[in-house]
Amino acid sequence: MKAYPCVNTAQSAVAAALQLHTFLKADVNRLSRVSDIVMADYRVIKRHQDDPGRVHPHSREPADQ
Protein backbone atom coordinates (compact mmCIF):
# COMPACT_ATOMS: atom_id res chain seq x y z
CA MET A 1 0.00 0.00 0.00
CA LYS A 2 1.32 3.43 -0.95
CA ALA A 3 1.33 6.33 1.49
CA TYR A 4 0.99 8.89 -1.33
CA PRO A 5 -0.73 8.78 -4.75
CA CYS A 6 2.44 8.69 -6.83
CA VAL A 7 4.83 6.18 -8.32
CA ASN A 8 6.28 3.87 -5.68
CA THR A 9 9.85 5.07 -6.22
CA ALA A 10 8.82 8.66 -5.37
CA GLN A 11 7.27 7.90 -1.99
CA SER A 12 10.31 9.10 -0.03
CA ALA A 13 10.61 12.28 -2.12
CA VAL A 14 6.98 13.17 -1.35
CA ALA A 15 7.53 12.49 2.35
CA ALA A 16 10.61 14.76 2.32
CA ALA A 17 8.70 17.52 0.49
CA LEU A 18 5.91 17.39 3.06
CA GLN A 19 8.42 17.65 5.90
CA LEU A 20 10.07 20.61 4.17
CA HIS A 21 6.67 22.27 3.74
CA THR A 22 6.08 21.94 7.49
CA PHE A 23 9.60 23.21 8.28
CA LEU A 24 8.99 26.29 6.10
CA LYS A 25 5.63 26.81 7.85
CA ALA A 26 3.98 26.65 4.42
CA ASP A 27 5.82 29.82 3.32
CA VAL A 28 7.26 28.28 0.16
CA ASN A 29 8.56 31.70 -0.92
CA ARG A 30 11.33 31.16 1.65
CA LEU A 31 12.64 28.40 -0.60
CA SER A 32 14.64 29.80 -3.49
CA ARG A 33 15.68 26.51 -5.12
CA VAL A 34 16.30 22.82 -4.66
CA SER A 35 19.94 22.06 -5.41
CA ASP A 36 19.96 18.29 -5.63
CA ILE A 37 17.51 15.46 -5.55
CA VAL A 38 19.14 12.09 -5.16
CA MET A 39 17.28 8.94 -6.10
CA ALA A 40 18.32 5.33 -5.86
CA ASP A 41 20.38 4.17 -8.83
CA TYR A 42 17.98 1.52 -10.09
CA ARG A 43 17.26 0.72 -13.74
CA VAL A 44 13.53 1.13 -13.15
CA ILE A 45 14.03 4.68 -11.84
CA LYS A 46 16.22 5.61 -14.81
CA ARG A 47 13.56 4.20 -17.13
CA HIS A 48 10.89 6.29 -15.36
CA GLN A 49 13.04 9.43 -15.62
CA ASP A 50 13.52 8.88 -19.36
CA ASP A 51 9.82 8.24 -20.07
CA PRO A 52 8.17 11.47 -21.31
CA GLY A 53 4.75 10.12 -20.35
CA ARG A 54 5.88 9.85 -16.73
CA VAL A 55 7.79 13.13 -16.69
CA HIS A 56 4.86 15.14 -18.08
CA PRO A 57 1.72 13.01 -17.64
CA HIS A 58 -1.43 14.17 -19.40
CA SER A 59 -3.86 12.02 -17.44
CA ARG A 60 -4.17 10.50 -13.98
CA GLU A 61 -3.30 6.95 -15.07
CA PRO A 62 0.35 7.61 -16.05
CA ALA A 63 0.71 9.97 -13.10
CA ASP A 64 -0.35 7.19 -10.73
CA GLN A 65 2.07 4.64 -12.17
PDB file of N, CA and C in Angstrom:
ATOM      1  N   MET A   1       0.838  -1.171   0.000  1.00  0.00           N
ATOM      2  CA  MET A   1       0.000   0.000   0.000  1.00  0.00           C
ATOM      3  C   MET A   1       0.889   1.242   0.000  1.00  0.00           C
ATOM      4  N   LYS A   2       0.563   2.187  -0.851  1.00  0.00           N
ATOM      5  CA  LYS A   2       1.322   3.428  -0.951  1.00  0.00           C
ATOM      6  C   LYS A   2       0.797   4.461   0.048  1.00  0.00           C
ATOM      7  N   ALA A   3       1.715   5.242   0.589  1.00  0.00           N
ATOM      8  CA  ALA A   3       1.328   6.327   1.489  1.00  0.00           C
ATOM      9  C   ALA A   3       0.824   7.541   0.705  1.00  0.00           C
ATOM     10  N   TYR A   4       1.335   7.724  -0.515  1.00  0.00           N
ATOM     11  CA  TYR A   4       0.994   8.894  -1.333  1.00  0.00           C
ATOM     12  C   TYR A   4       0.601   8.438  -2.739  1.00  0.00           C
ATOM     13  N   PRO A   5      -0.283   9.170  -3.413  1.00  0.00           N
ATOM     14  CA  PRO A   5      -0.730   8.779  -4.752  1.00  0.00           C
ATOM     15  C   PRO A   5       0.278   9.153  -5.835  1.00  0.00           C
ATOM     16  N   CYS A   6       1.410   8.468  -5.821  1.00  0.00           N
ATOM     17  CA  CYS A   6       2.442   8.690  -6.831  1.00  0.00           C
ATOM     18  C   CYS A   6       3.180   7.379  -7.046  1.00  0.00           C
ATOM     19  N   VAL A   7       4.048   7.362  -8.015  1.00  0.00           N
ATOM     20  CA  VAL A   7       4.835   6.176  -8.320  1.00  0.00           C
ATOM     21  C   VAL A   7       5.578   5.723  -7.059  1.00  0.00           C
ATOM     22  N   ASN A   8       5.680   4.440  -6.890  1.00  0.00           N
ATOM     23  CA  ASN A   8       6.275   3.873  -5.679  1.00  0.00           C
ATOM     24  C   ASN A   8       7.671   4.418  -5.387  1.00  0.00           C
ATOM     25  N   THR A   9       8.472   4.606  -6.419  1.00  0.00           N
ATOM     26  CA  THR A   9       9.846   5.067  -6.223  1.00  0.00           C
ATOM     27  C   THR A   9       9.937   6.526  -5.793  1.00  0.00           C
ATOM     28  N   ALA A  10       8.819   7.254  -5.792  1.00  0.00           N
ATOM     29  CA  ALA A  10       8.821   8.662  -5.371  1.00  0.00           C
ATOM     30  C   ALA A  10       8.237   8.858  -3.973  1.00  0.00           C
ATOM     31  N   GLN A  11       7.880   7.791  -3.304  1.00  0.00           N
ATOM     32  CA  GLN A  11       7.266   7.902  -1.987  1.00  0.00           C
ATOM     33  C   GLN A  11       8.147   8.686  -1.006  1.00  0.00           C
ATOM     34  N   SER A  12       9.431   8.404  -0.969  1.00  0.00           N
ATOM     35  CA  SER A  12      10.314   9.101  -0.026  1.00  0.00           C
ATOM     36  C   SER A  12      10.501  10.565  -0.409  1.00  0.00           C
ATOM     37  N   ALA A  13      10.490  10.888  -1.695  1.00  0.00           N
ATOM     38  CA  ALA A  13      10.608  12.282  -2.123  1.00  0.00           C
ATOM     39  C   ALA A  13       9.379  13.086  -1.696  1.00  0.00           C
ATOM     40  N   VAL A  14       8.205  12.487  -1.791  1.00  0.00           N
ATOM     41  CA  VAL A  14       6.984  13.168  -1.354  1.00  0.00           C
ATOM     42  C   VAL A  14       7.018  13.383   0.149  1.00  0.00           C
ATOM     43  N   ALA A  15       7.437  12.364   0.893  1.00  0.00           N
ATOM     44  CA  ALA A  15       7.535  12.492   2.352  1.00  0.00           C
ATOM     45  C   ALA A  15       8.499  13.613   2.727  1.00  0.00           C
ATOM     46  N   ALA A  16       9.634  13.702   2.039  1.00  0.00           N
ATOM     47  CA  ALA A  16      10.608  14.759   2.316  1.00  0.00           C
ATOM     48  C   ALA A  16      10.030  16.136   1.985  1.00  0.00           C
ATOM     49  N   ALA A  17       9.309  16.242   0.873  1.00  0.00           N
ATOM     50  CA  ALA A  17       8.704  17.518   0.489  1.00  0.00           C
ATOM     51  C   ALA A  17       7.666  17.969   1.516  1.00  0.00           C
ATOM     52  N   LEU A  18       6.901  17.038   2.036  1.00  0.00           N
ATOM     53  CA  LEU A  18       5.907  17.386   3.060  1.00  0.00           C
ATOM     54  C   LEU A  18       6.582  17.854   4.352  1.00  0.00           C
ATOM     55  N   GLN A  19       7.673  17.218   4.713  1.00  0.00           N
ATOM     56  CA  GLN A  19       8.423  17.652   5.899  1.00  0.00           C
ATOM     57  C   GLN A  19       9.008  19.044   5.682  1.00  0.00           C
ATOM     58  N   LEU A  20       9.524  19.301   4.491  1.00  0.00           N
ATOM     59  CA  LEU A  20      10.070  20.615   4.165  1.00  0.00           C
ATOM     60  C   LEU A  20       8.974  21.676   4.213  1.00  0.00           C
ATOM     61  N   HIS A  21       7.812  21.348   3.716  1.00  0.00           N
ATOM     62  CA  HIS A  21       6.675  22.269   3.738  1.00  0.00           C
ATOM     63  C   HIS A  21       6.336  22.653   5.176  1.00  0.00           C
ATOM     64  N   THR A  22       6.339  21.674   6.079  1.00  0.00           N
ATOM     65  CA  THR A  22       6.076  21.939   7.494  1.00  0.00           C
ATOM     66  C   THR A  22       7.194  22.793   8.089  1.00  0.00           C
ATOM     67  N   PHE A  23       8.444  22.457   7.773  1.00  0.00           N
ATOM     68  CA  PHE A  23       9.599  23.207   8.276  1.00  0.00           C
ATOM     69  C   PHE A  23       9.530  24.678   7.854  1.00  0.00           C
ATOM     70  N   LEU A  24       9.092  24.922   6.622  1.00  0.00           N
ATOM     71  CA  LEU A  24       8.987  26.294   6.101  1.00  0.00           C
ATOM     72  C   LEU A  24       7.716  26.986   6.564  1.00  0.00           C
ATOM     73  N   LYS A  25       6.912  26.282   7.360  1.00  0.00           N
ATOM     74  CA  LYS A  25       5.629  26.809   7.851  1.00  0.00           C
ATOM     75  C   LYS A  25       4.749  27.247   6.683  1.00  0.00           C
ATOM     76  N   ALA A  26       4.775  26.463   5.631  1.00  0.00           N
ATOM     77  CA  ALA A  26       3.978  26.652   4.416  1.00  0.00           C
ATOM     78  C   ALA A  26       4.358  27.902   3.629  1.00  0.00           C
ATOM     79  N   ASP A  27       5.381  28.632   4.046  1.00  0.00           N
ATOM     80  CA  ASP A  27       5.824  29.820   3.315  1.00  0.00           C
ATOM     81  C   ASP A  27       6.853  29.380   2.264  1.00  0.00           C
ATOM     82  N   VAL A  28       6.361  28.824   1.170  1.00  0.00           N
ATOM     83  CA  VAL A  28       7.262  28.283   0.156  1.00  0.00           C
ATOM     84  C   VAL A  28       8.101  29.360  -0.527  1.00  0.00           C
ATOM     85  N   ASN A  29       7.745  30.608  -0.358  1.00  0.00           N
ATOM     86  CA  ASN A  29       8.558  31.695  -0.924  1.00  0.00           C
ATOM     87  C   ASN A  29       9.908  31.801  -0.225  1.00  0.00           C
ATOM     88  N   ARG A  30      10.034  31.188   0.955  1.00  0.00           N
ATOM     89  CA  ARG A  30      11.325  31.161   1.651  1.00  0.00           C
ATOM     90  C   ARG A  30      12.311  30.216   0.970  1.00  0.00           C
ATOM     91  N   LEU A  31      11.811  29.369   0.105  1.00  0.00           N
ATOM     92  CA  LEU A  31      12.644  28.398  -0.602  1.00  0.00           C
ATOM     93  C   LEU A  31      12.982  28.963  -1.972  1.00  0.00           C
ATOM     94  N   SER A  32      14.261  29.206  -2.204  1.00  0.00           N
ATOM     95  CA  SER A  32      14.641  29.797  -3.488  1.00  0.00           C
ATOM     96  C   SER A  32      14.920  28.741  -4.552  1.00  0.00           C
ATOM     97  N   ARG A  33      15.424  27.565  -4.140  1.00  0.00           N
ATOM     98  CA  ARG A  33      15.678  26.509  -5.119  1.00  0.00           C
ATOM     99  C   ARG A  33      15.974  25.198  -4.399  1.00  0.00           C
ATOM    100  N   VAL A  34      15.900  24.141  -5.136  1.00  0.00           N
ATOM    101  CA  VAL A  34      16.299  22.823  -4.657  1.00  0.00           C
ATOM    102  C   VAL A  34      17.553  22.471  -5.439  1.00  0.00           C
ATOM    103  N   SER A  35      18.659  22.297  -4.750  1.00  0.00           N
ATOM    104  CA  SER A  35      19.942  22.061  -5.413  1.00  0.00           C
ATOM    105  C   SER A  35      20.041  20.667  -6.003  1.00  0.00           C
ATOM    106  N   ASP A  36      19.775  19.674  -5.195  1.00  0.00           N
ATOM    107  CA  ASP A  36      19.957  18.293  -5.625  1.00  0.00           C
ATOM    108  C   ASP A  36      18.814  17.429  -5.129  1.00  0.00           C
ATOM    109  N   ILE A  37      18.434  16.519  -5.956  1.00  0.00           N
ATOM    110  CA  ILE A  37      17.514  15.459  -5.555  1.00  0.00           C
ATOM    111  C   ILE A  37      18.215  14.166  -5.915  1.00  0.00           C
ATOM    112  N   VAL A  38      18.432  13.335  -4.941  1.00  0.00           N
ATOM    113  CA  VAL A  38      19.144  12.085  -5.155  1.00  0.00           C
ATOM    114  C   VAL A  38      18.147  10.934  -5.068  1.00  0.00           C
ATOM    115  N   MET A  39      18.149  10.109  -6.084  1.00  0.00           N
ATOM    116  CA  MET A  39      17.281   8.945  -6.103  1.00  0.00           C
ATOM    117  C   MET A  39      18.150   7.702  -6.197  1.00  0.00           C
ATOM    118  N   ALA A  40      17.590   6.592  -5.787  1.00  0.00           N
ATOM    119  CA  ALA A  40      18.325   5.331  -5.863  1.00  0.00           C
ATOM    120  C   ALA A  40      18.718   5.054  -7.313  1.00  0.00           C
ATOM    121  N   ASP A  41      19.863   4.445  -7.498  1.00  0.00           N
ATOM    122  CA  ASP A  41      20.383   4.168  -8.833  1.00  0.00           C
ATOM    123  C   ASP A  41      19.885   2.796  -9.304  1.00  0.00           C
ATOM    124  N   TYR A  42      18.591   2.743  -9.604  1.00  0.00           N
ATOM    125  CA  TYR A  42      17.979   1.516 -10.095  1.00  0.00           C
ATOM    126  C   TYR A  42      17.575   1.706 -11.545  1.00  0.00           C
ATOM    127  N   ARG A  43      17.649   0.629 -12.328  1.00  0.00           N
ATOM    128  CA  ARG A  43      17.263   0.724 -13.739  1.00  0.00           C
ATOM    129  C   ARG A  43      15.825   1.202 -13.901  1.00  0.00           C
ATOM    130  N   VAL A  44      14.935   0.743 -13.032  1.00  0.00           N
ATOM    131  CA  VAL A  44      13.531   1.130 -13.153  1.00  0.00           C
ATOM    132  C   VAL A  44      13.360   2.634 -12.959  1.00  0.00           C
ATOM    133  N   ILE A  45      14.119   3.232 -12.063  1.00  0.00           N
ATOM    134  CA  ILE A  45      14.027   4.675 -11.840  1.00  0.00           C
ATOM    135  C   ILE A  45      14.560   5.424 -13.054  1.00  0.00           C
ATOM    136  N   LYS A  46      15.668   4.981 -13.595  1.00  0.00           N
ATOM    137  CA  LYS A  46      16.223   5.609 -14.806  1.00  0.00           C
ATOM    138  C   LYS A  46      15.215   5.526 -15.948  1.00  0.00           C
ATOM    139  N   ARG A  47      14.564   4.376 -16.088  1.00  0.00           N
ATOM    140  CA  ARG A  47      13.559   4.199 -17.130  1.00  0.00           C
ATOM    141  C   ARG A  47      12.393   5.170 -16.907  1.00  0.00           C
ATOM    142  N   HIS A  48      11.966   5.340 -15.661  1.00  0.00           N
ATOM    143  CA  HIS A  48      10.886   6.291 -15.360  1.00  0.00           C
ATOM    144  C   HIS A  48      11.313   7.718 -15.690  1.00  0.00           C
ATOM    145  N   GLN A  49      12.554   8.075 -15.358  1.00  0.00           N
ATOM    146  CA  GLN A  49      13.042   9.432 -15.616  1.00  0.00           C
ATOM    147  C   GLN A  49      13.147   9.730 -17.103  1.00  0.00           C
ATOM    148  N   ASP A  50      13.371   8.704 -17.910  1.00  0.00           N
ATOM    149  CA  ASP A  50      13.522   8.882 -19.356  1.00  0.00           C
ATOM    150  C   ASP A  50      12.199   8.765 -20.116  1.00  0.00           C
ATOM    151  N   ASP A  51      11.114   8.436 -19.435  1.00  0.00           N
ATOM    152  CA  ASP A  51       9.819   8.240 -20.072  1.00  0.00           C
ATOM    153  C   ASP A  51       9.038   9.553 -20.074  1.00  0.00           C
ATOM    154  N   PRO A  52       8.871  10.190 -21.253  1.00  0.00           N
ATOM    155  CA  PRO A  52       8.167  11.474 -21.312  1.00  0.00           C
ATOM    156  C   PRO A  52       6.750  11.405 -20.742  1.00  0.00           C
ATOM    157  N   GLY A  53       6.095  10.274 -20.879  1.00  0.00           N
ATOM    158  CA  GLY A  53       4.750  10.119 -20.347  1.00  0.00           C
ATOM    159  C   GLY A  53       4.705  10.166 -18.832  1.00  0.00           C
ATOM    160  N   ARG A  54       5.791   9.783 -18.189  1.00  0.00           N
ATOM    161  CA  ARG A  54       5.876   9.853 -16.730  1.00  0.00           C
ATOM    162  C   ARG A  54       6.375  11.223 -16.279  1.00  0.00           C
ATOM    163  N   VAL A  55       7.237  11.820 -17.052  1.00  0.00           N
ATOM    164  CA  VAL A  55       7.787  13.127 -16.689  1.00  0.00           C
ATOM    165  C   VAL A  55       6.711  14.206 -16.790  1.00  0.00           C
ATOM    166  N   HIS A  56       5.934  14.158 -17.847  1.00  0.00           N
ATOM    167  CA  HIS A  56       4.859  15.139 -18.076  1.00  0.00           C
ATOM    168  C   HIS A  56       3.563  14.395 -18.387  1.00  0.00           C
ATOM    169  N   PRO A  57       2.939  13.776 -17.381  1.00  0.00           N
ATOM    170  CA  PRO A  57       1.717  13.006 -17.641  1.00  0.00           C
ATOM    171  C   PRO A  57       0.556  13.918 -18.040  1.00  0.00           C
ATOM    172  N   HIS A  58      -0.280  13.406 -18.927  1.00  0.00           N
ATOM    173  CA  HIS A  58      -1.434  14.171 -19.397  1.00  0.00           C
ATOM    174  C   HIS A  58      -2.755  13.602 -18.893  1.00  0.00           C
ATOM    175  N   SER A  59      -2.665  12.584 -18.054  1.00  0.00           N
ATOM    176  CA  SER A  59      -3.856  12.023 -17.437  1.00  0.00           C
ATOM    177  C   SER A  59      -3.463  11.422 -16.088  1.00  0.00           C
ATOM    178  N   ARG A  60      -4.445  11.036 -15.317  1.00  0.00           N
ATOM    179  CA  ARG A  60      -4.170  10.505 -13.978  1.00  0.00           C
ATOM    180  C   ARG A  60      -3.479   9.134 -14.037  1.00  0.00           C
ATOM    181  N   GLU A  61      -3.850   8.312 -15.019  1.00  0.00           N
ATOM    182  CA  GLU A  61      -3.299   6.954 -15.070  1.00  0.00           C
ATOM    183  C   GLU A  61      -1.768   6.932 -15.125  1.00  0.00           C
ATOM    184  N   PRO A  62      -1.118   7.638 -16.070  1.00  0.00           N
ATOM    185  CA  PRO A  62       0.348   7.610 -16.052  1.00  0.00           C
ATOM    186  C   PRO A  62       0.932   8.312 -14.826  1.00  0.00           C
ATOM    187  N   ALA A  63       0.224   9.281 -14.302  1.00  0.00           N
ATOM    188  CA  ALA A  63       0.711   9.973 -13.100  1.00  0.00           C
ATOM    189  C   ALA A  63       0.705   9.040 -11.901  1.00  0.00           C
ATOM    190  N   ASP A  64      -0.233   8.129 -11.858  1.00  0.00           N
ATOM    191  CA  ASP A  64      -0.345   7.189 -10.734  1.00  0.00           C
ATOM    192  C   ASP A  64       0.610   6.018 -10.850  1.00  0.00           C
ATOM    193  N   GLN A  65       1.204   5.809 -12.004  1.00  0.00           N
ATOM    194  CA  GLN A  65       2.073   4.644 -12.174  1.00  0.00           C
ATOM    195  C   GLN A  65       3.340   4.868 -11.503  1.00  0.00           C
TER     196      GLN A  65
END
